[in-house]
Amino acid sequence: MAERKLVGTNEMFKKALAGGYAIGAYNVNNMEILQGIAEAAEETQSPIILQVSAGARKYANQTYLIKLVEAALATTTVPIALHLDHGADFEICKACIDGGFSSVMIDGSRFPFEENVRS
């Protein structure tokens, strides 16, 4: 059996829009939570976005979380994206991309509006 890979959220959203369905996005920080989400997704054949917050990265360690997601990929058939939720800065987002995440979101809400929209 070929090793499955994470999918990007862009691909997921295009399929969901065309198919008229929503995609669940769930924050994960330990094996039990991730296992429950993956098993339910497999049972319902629903794609999932597994989100990692700054707190989860600190609590569980990014490397451990990635390995747990790899286990979910190995035991399910549904599309899975791994998403950094509310990344504090460029460095954290880059570390997640370099570590294997398929999606990141940088949270610039602490910056003035003008800084967030400048080109």
Protein backbone atom coordinates (compact mmCIF):
# COMPACT_ATOMS: atom_id res chain seq x y z
CA MET A 1 0.00 0.00 0.00
CA ALA A 2 1.40 3.39 -0.99
CA GLU A 3 2.08 5.93 1.72
CA ARG A 4 -0.71 8.49 1.89
CA LYS A 5 0.10 12.19 1.98
CA LEU A 6 -1.58 15.17 3.55
CA VAL A 7 -3.72 17.25 1.22
CA GLY A 8 -3.92 21.01 1.00
CA THR A 9 -6.97 22.88 2.19
CA ASN A 10 -7.33 24.61 -1.19
CA GLU A 11 -7.95 21.24 -2.86
CA MET A 12 -10.35 20.24 -0.07
CA PHE A 13 -12.35 23.45 -0.29
CA LYS A 14 -12.73 23.21 -4.07
CA LYS A 15 -14.18 19.68 -3.75
CA ALA A 16 -16.44 20.69 -0.87
CA LEU A 17 -17.77 23.70 -2.77
CA ALA A 18 -18.45 21.59 -5.86
CA GLY A 19 -20.01 18.82 -3.76
CA GLY A 20 -22.07 21.07 -1.51
CA TYR A 21 -20.66 19.89 1.81
CA ALA A 22 -18.71 21.29 4.74
CA ILE A 23 -15.35 20.15 6.10
CA GLY A 24 -14.83 19.76 9.82
CA ALA A 25 -11.75 21.41 11.29
CA TYR A 26 -10.74 20.08 14.69
CA ASN A 27 -8.05 21.24 17.10
CA VAL A 28 -5.87 18.32 18.21
CA ASN A 29 -3.29 18.08 20.96
CA ASN A 30 -3.09 14.42 21.92
CA MET A 31 -3.48 10.89 20.62
CA GLU A 32 -6.92 10.23 22.04
CA ILE A 33 -8.51 13.31 20.51
CA LEU A 34 -6.88 12.70 17.14
CA GLN A 35 -7.80 9.02 17.18
CA GLY A 36 -11.47 9.81 17.89
CA ILE A 37 -11.61 12.38 15.11
CA ALA A 38 -9.89 10.08 12.60
CA GLU A 39 -12.13 7.13 13.44
CA ALA A 40 -15.30 9.22 13.11
CA ALA A 41 -14.08 10.70 9.83
CA GLU A 42 -13.35 7.23 8.48
CA GLU A 43 -16.75 5.92 9.59
CA THR A 44 -18.54 8.79 7.84
CA GLN A 45 -16.04 9.02 4.95
CA SER A 46 -15.59 12.73 5.68
CA PRO A 47 -12.45 14.74 4.91
CA ILE A 48 -10.95 16.48 7.94
CA ILE A 49 -8.71 19.39 8.78
CA LEU A 50 -6.60 18.69 11.85
CA GLN A 51 -5.68 22.00 13.43
CA VAL A 52 -2.73 22.66 15.72
CA SER A 53 -2.73 25.76 17.90
CA ALA A 54 0.27 27.46 19.47
CA GLY A 55 -0.75 25.89 22.77
CA ALA A 56 -0.85 22.41 21.26
CA ARG A 57 2.59 22.90 19.67
CA LYS A 58 3.92 23.87 23.09
CA TYR A 59 2.05 21.14 25.00
CA ALA A 60 2.53 18.15 22.72
CA ASN A 61 5.52 19.16 20.59
CA GLN A 62 5.14 19.62 16.84
CA THR A 63 7.15 16.47 16.03
CA TYR A 64 4.90 14.26 18.14
CA LEU A 65 1.76 15.77 16.62
CA ILE A 66 3.03 15.20 13.09
CA LYS A 67 3.74 11.55 13.90
CA LEU A 68 0.22 11.15 15.29
CA VAL A 69 -1.20 12.62 12.08
CA GLU A 70 0.95 10.20 10.07
CA ALA A 71 -0.70 7.38 12.05
CA ALA A 72 -4.12 8.77 11.12
CA LEU A 73 -3.08 8.79 7.47
CA ALA A 74 -1.96 5.17 7.75
CA THR A 75 -5.22 4.00 9.32
CA THR A 76 -7.82 5.94 7.31
CA THR A 77 -8.77 6.51 3.71
CA VAL A 78 -10.21 10.03 4.00
CA PRO A 79 -8.41 13.21 2.91
CA ILE A 80 -6.58 14.86 5.82
CA ALA A 81 -5.04 18.32 6.00
CA LEU A 82 -2.75 19.42 8.83
CA HIS A 83 -3.26 23.11 9.59
CA LEU A 84 -1.45 25.56 11.87
CA ASP A 85 -4.21 27.60 13.48
CA HIS A 86 -3.38 31.22 14.34
CA GLY A 87 0.37 31.17 13.77
CA ALA A 88 1.95 34.05 15.67
CA ASP A 89 4.64 34.94 13.15
CA PHE A 90 6.42 34.04 9.95
CA GLU A 91 8.99 31.87 11.73
CA ILE A 92 6.35 29.61 13.31
CA CYS A 93 4.50 29.30 10.02
CA LYS A 94 7.73 28.42 8.21
CA ALA A 95 8.67 25.86 10.87
CA CYS A 96 5.29 24.18 10.42
CA ILE A 97 5.56 24.13 6.62
CA ASP A 98 9.11 22.80 6.86
CA GLY A 99 7.85 20.20 9.33
CA GLY A 100 5.19 18.88 6.99
CA PHE A 101 2.03 20.88 7.60
CA SER A 102 -0.14 21.24 4.50
CA SER A 103 -1.75 24.53 5.59
CA VAL A 104 -0.89 27.48 7.84
CA MET A 105 -2.65 30.64 8.96
CA ILE A 106 -0.69 33.61 10.24
CA ASP A 107 -2.63 35.70 12.74
CA GLY A 108 -1.83 39.36 12.32
CA SER A 109 -4.62 40.58 14.59
CA ARG A 110 -2.12 42.12 17.02
CA PHE A 111 -0.91 44.47 14.27
CA PRO A 112 -2.65 47.67 13.17
CA PHE A 113 -5.07 47.35 10.27
CA GLU A 114 -2.78 49.38 7.99
CA GLU A 115 0.09 46.94 8.51
CA ASN A 116 -2.13 43.95 7.73
CA VAL A 117 -3.34 45.32 4.40
CA ARG A 118 -0.22 46.97 3.02
CA SER A 119 1.13 45.45 -0.16
